[in-house]
Every structure is written in C-alpha cells, then in structure tokens.
C-alpha cells in the first residue's frame, strides 16, 4: 500500500498575509513563539547592517505585530512585505508540524 505524501508549497503572495499572520502571533506554542522572536531580531539585525541612507527606507518597529500594524496603515517597504509573507508561511508550517 502506498503512503500518501503531503506537499507544502511556499511562495504564494496573493493573499492577505496581515489577516492570517495576526492569529499566529497569538499562538502559545513555544516553538512558534521562539520562531517569531528570532525572526524579529534577524530582521532588525539585517536592517542595521545596511548603510544609513538605505535604513531610512525602513520604519522603526518593535515587533512583528508592529510591522503588521504599519502594513495596514499604508504599506511597507517591499522587502518587509516579502519578509512578512515568508514569516507567515514558515510560521503556519511550524504550527502544523508542532501543534499539540
């Protein structure tokens, strides 16, 4: 008997990430919480490595939730838009894989 295979497709950016990522940020799964904390610090570190003039294109933010709020208010730098999409997709996968 053949075992069914699950395939996860990453990369679709045609949906509203904001509405889907917000509930994930509230999830109490410690693995997911750790993922979001590490992603936040990684994004901040990458922005800090940019030259000053390039950093000015990015808003100040204190969390992933803060980025979502800023996105709802009028958009973000395209790099952060793509980052939020990736964060949602990986976060959703983590939730599926490690949710009790």
C-alpha atoms as a PDB file:
ATOM      1  CA  UNK A   1       0.000   0.000   0.000  1.00  0.00           C
ATOM      2  CA  UNK A   2       1.318   3.409  -0.973  1.00  0.00           C
ATOM      3  CA  UNK A   3       1.544   6.039   1.766  1.00  0.00           C
ATOM      4  CA  UNK A   4       0.023   9.439   0.927  1.00  0.00           C
ATOM      5  CA  UNK A   5       2.500  12.265   0.547  1.00  0.00           C
ATOM      6  CA  UNK A   6       1.927  15.783   1.867  1.00  0.00           C
ATOM      7  CA  UNK A   7       3.377  18.621  -0.166  1.00  0.00           C
ATOM      8  CA  UNK A   8       3.812  22.127   1.205  1.00  0.00           C
ATOM      9  CA  UNK A   9       4.121  24.910  -1.351  1.00  0.00           C
ATOM     10  CA  UNK A  10       5.777  28.127  -0.254  1.00  0.00           C
ATOM     11  CA  UNK A  11       5.809  31.336  -2.222  1.00  0.00           C
ATOM     12  CA  UNK A  12       2.183  32.307  -2.893  1.00  0.00           C
ATOM     13  CA  UNK A  13       1.936  36.015  -2.129  1.00  0.00           C
ATOM     14  CA  UNK A  14      -1.533  36.701  -3.491  1.00  0.00           C
ATOM     15  CA  UNK A  15      -3.416  36.522  -0.186  1.00  0.00           C
ATOM     16  CA  UNK A  16      -3.787  38.905   2.750  1.00  0.00           C
ATOM     17  CA  UNK A  17      -0.851  37.998   4.988  1.00  0.00           C
ATOM     18  CA  UNK A  18      -1.931  40.511   7.606  1.00  0.00           C
ATOM     19  CA  UNK A  19      -5.202  38.770   8.432  1.00  0.00           C
ATOM     20  CA  UNK A  20      -3.552  35.345   8.530  1.00  0.00           C
ATOM     21  CA  UNK A  21      -0.403  36.191  10.446  1.00  0.00           C
ATOM     22  CA  UNK A  22      -2.078  38.071  13.317  1.00  0.00           C
ATOM     23  CA  UNK A  23      -3.694  34.941  14.832  1.00  0.00           C
ATOM     24  CA  UNK A  24      -0.413  33.035  14.551  1.00  0.00           C
ATOM     25  CA  UNK A  25       1.349  35.713  16.575  1.00  0.00           C
ATOM     26  CA  UNK A  26      -1.058  34.960  19.440  1.00  0.00           C
ATOM     27  CA  UNK A  27      -0.430  31.222  19.385  1.00  0.00           C
ATOM     28  CA  UNK A  28       1.049  29.926  22.651  1.00  0.00           C
ATOM     29  CA  UNK A  29       3.154  27.229  21.022  1.00  0.00           C
ATOM     30  CA  UNK A  30       6.680  27.819  22.423  1.00  0.00           C
ATOM     31  CA  UNK A  31       8.361  26.770  19.177  1.00  0.00           C
ATOM     32  CA  UNK A  32       6.282  29.236  17.196  1.00  0.00           C
ATOM     33  CA  UNK A  33       6.845  31.978  19.771  1.00  0.00           C
ATOM     34  CA  UNK A  34      10.591  31.396  19.614  1.00  0.00           C
ATOM     35  CA  UNK A  35      10.483  31.485  15.816  1.00  0.00           C
ATOM     36  CA  UNK A  36       8.748  34.886  15.820  1.00  0.00           C
ATOM     37  CA  UNK A  37      11.205  36.310  18.359  1.00  0.00           C
ATOM     38  CA  UNK A  38      14.197  35.122  16.359  1.00  0.00           C
ATOM     39  CA  UNK A  39      12.756  36.423  13.096  1.00  0.00           C
ATOM     40  CA  UNK A  40      12.179  39.836  14.672  1.00  0.00           C
ATOM     41  CA  UNK A  41      15.795  40.056  15.829  1.00  0.00           C
ATOM     42  CA  UNK A  42      17.092  38.765  12.485  1.00  0.00           C
ATOM     43  CA  UNK A  43      15.170  41.414  10.540  1.00  0.00           C
ATOM     44  CA  UNK A  44      16.386  44.142  12.880  1.00  0.00           C
ATOM     45  CA  UNK A  45      19.978  42.920  12.550  1.00  0.00           C
ATOM     46  CA  UNK A  46      19.780  42.858   8.743  1.00  0.00           C
ATOM     47  CA  UNK A  47      18.355  46.381   8.597  1.00  0.00           C
ATOM     48  CA  UNK A  48      21.060  47.604  10.989  1.00  0.00           C
ATOM     49  CA  UNK A  49      23.742  46.292   8.633  1.00  0.00           C
ATOM     50  CA  UNK A  50      22.519  48.485   5.792  1.00  0.00           C
ATOM     51  CA  UNK A  51      24.042  51.890   5.038  1.00  0.00           C
ATOM     52  CA  UNK A  52      22.277  54.755   6.789  1.00  0.00           C
ATOM     53  CA  UNK A  53      20.542  56.015   3.639  1.00  0.00           C
ATOM     54  CA  UNK A  54      19.120  52.547   2.956  1.00  0.00           C
ATOM     55  CA  UNK A  55      17.958  52.125   6.567  1.00  0.00           C
ATOM     56  CA  UNK A  56      15.871  55.273   6.240  1.00  0.00           C
ATOM     57  CA  UNK A  57      13.529  53.390   3.861  1.00  0.00           C
ATOM     58  CA  UNK A  58      12.505  51.074   6.700  1.00  0.00           C
ATOM     59  CA  UNK A  59      10.130  52.078   9.501  1.00  0.00           C
ATOM     60  CA  UNK A  60      11.024  51.697  13.139  1.00  0.00           C
ATOM     61  CA  UNK A  61       9.215  48.738  14.667  1.00  0.00           C
ATOM     62  CA  UNK A  62       9.205  46.902  17.968  1.00  0.00           C
ATOM     63  CA  UNK A  63       7.732  43.545  16.929  1.00  0.00           C
ATOM     64  CA  UNK A  64       6.311  41.549  14.048  1.00  0.00           C
ATOM     65  CA  UNK A  65       2.849  42.678  15.198  1.00  0.00           C
ATOM     66  CA  UNK A  66       4.045  46.286  14.900  1.00  0.00           C
ATOM     67  CA  UNK A  67       5.079  45.599  11.288  1.00  0.00           C
ATOM     68  CA  UNK A  68       1.602  44.233  10.580  1.00  0.00           C
ATOM     69  CA  UNK A  69       0.073  47.379  12.067  1.00  0.00           C
ATOM     70  CA  UNK A  70       2.270  49.563   9.881  1.00  0.00           C
ATOM     71  CA  UNK A  71       1.369  47.467   6.839  1.00  0.00           C
ATOM     72  CA  UNK A  72      -2.352  48.041   7.486  1.00  0.00           C
ATOM     73  CA  UNK A  73      -1.750  51.789   7.726  1.00  0.00           C
ATOM     74  CA  UNK A  74      -0.362  52.153   4.260  1.00  0.00           C
ATOM     75  CA  UNK A  75       2.129  49.606   3.191  1.00  0.00           C
ATOM     76  CA  UNK A  76       5.712  48.804   3.920  1.00  0.00           C
ATOM     77  CA  UNK A  77       8.986  48.613   2.136  1.00  0.00           C
ATOM     78  CA  UNK A  78       8.657  45.768  -0.425  1.00  0.00           C
ATOM     79  CA  UNK A  79      11.426  43.830   1.327  1.00  0.00           C
ATOM     80  CA  UNK A  80       9.394  43.809   4.554  1.00  0.00           C
ATOM     81  CA  UNK A  81       6.246  42.855   2.641  1.00  0.00           C
ATOM     82  CA  UNK A  82       8.055  39.793   1.269  1.00  0.00           C
ATOM     83  CA  UNK A  83       9.519  39.043   4.691  1.00  0.00           C
ATOM     84  CA  UNK A  84       6.048  39.057   6.285  1.00  0.00           C
ATOM     85  CA  UNK A  85       4.821  36.664   3.629  1.00  0.00           C
ATOM     86  CA  UNK A  86       7.699  34.270   4.323  1.00  0.00           C
ATOM     87  CA  UNK A  87       7.213  34.628   8.087  1.00  0.00           C
ATOM     88  CA  UNK A  88       3.556  33.693   7.748  1.00  0.00           C
ATOM     89  CA  UNK A  89       4.259  30.695   5.530  1.00  0.00           C
ATOM     90  CA  UNK A  90       7.003  29.308   7.762  1.00  0.00           C
ATOM     91  CA  UNK A  91       5.013  30.097  10.905  1.00  0.00           C
ATOM     92  CA  UNK A  92       1.983  28.272   9.552  1.00  0.00           C
ATOM     93  CA  UNK A  93       4.130  25.273   8.673  1.00  0.00           C
ATOM     94  CA  UNK A  94       5.641  25.257  12.185  1.00  0.00           C
ATOM     95  CA  UNK A  95       2.168  25.430  13.710  1.00  0.00           C
ATOM     96  CA  UNK A  96       1.006  22.469  11.621  1.00  0.00           C
ATOM     97  CA  UNK A  97       4.109  20.440  12.396  1.00  0.00           C
ATOM     98  CA  UNK A  98       4.368  21.137  16.126  1.00  0.00           C
ATOM     99  CA  UNK A  99       0.858  21.920  17.311  1.00  0.00           C
ATOM    100  CA  UNK A 100      -0.234  19.613  20.129  1.00  0.00           C
END
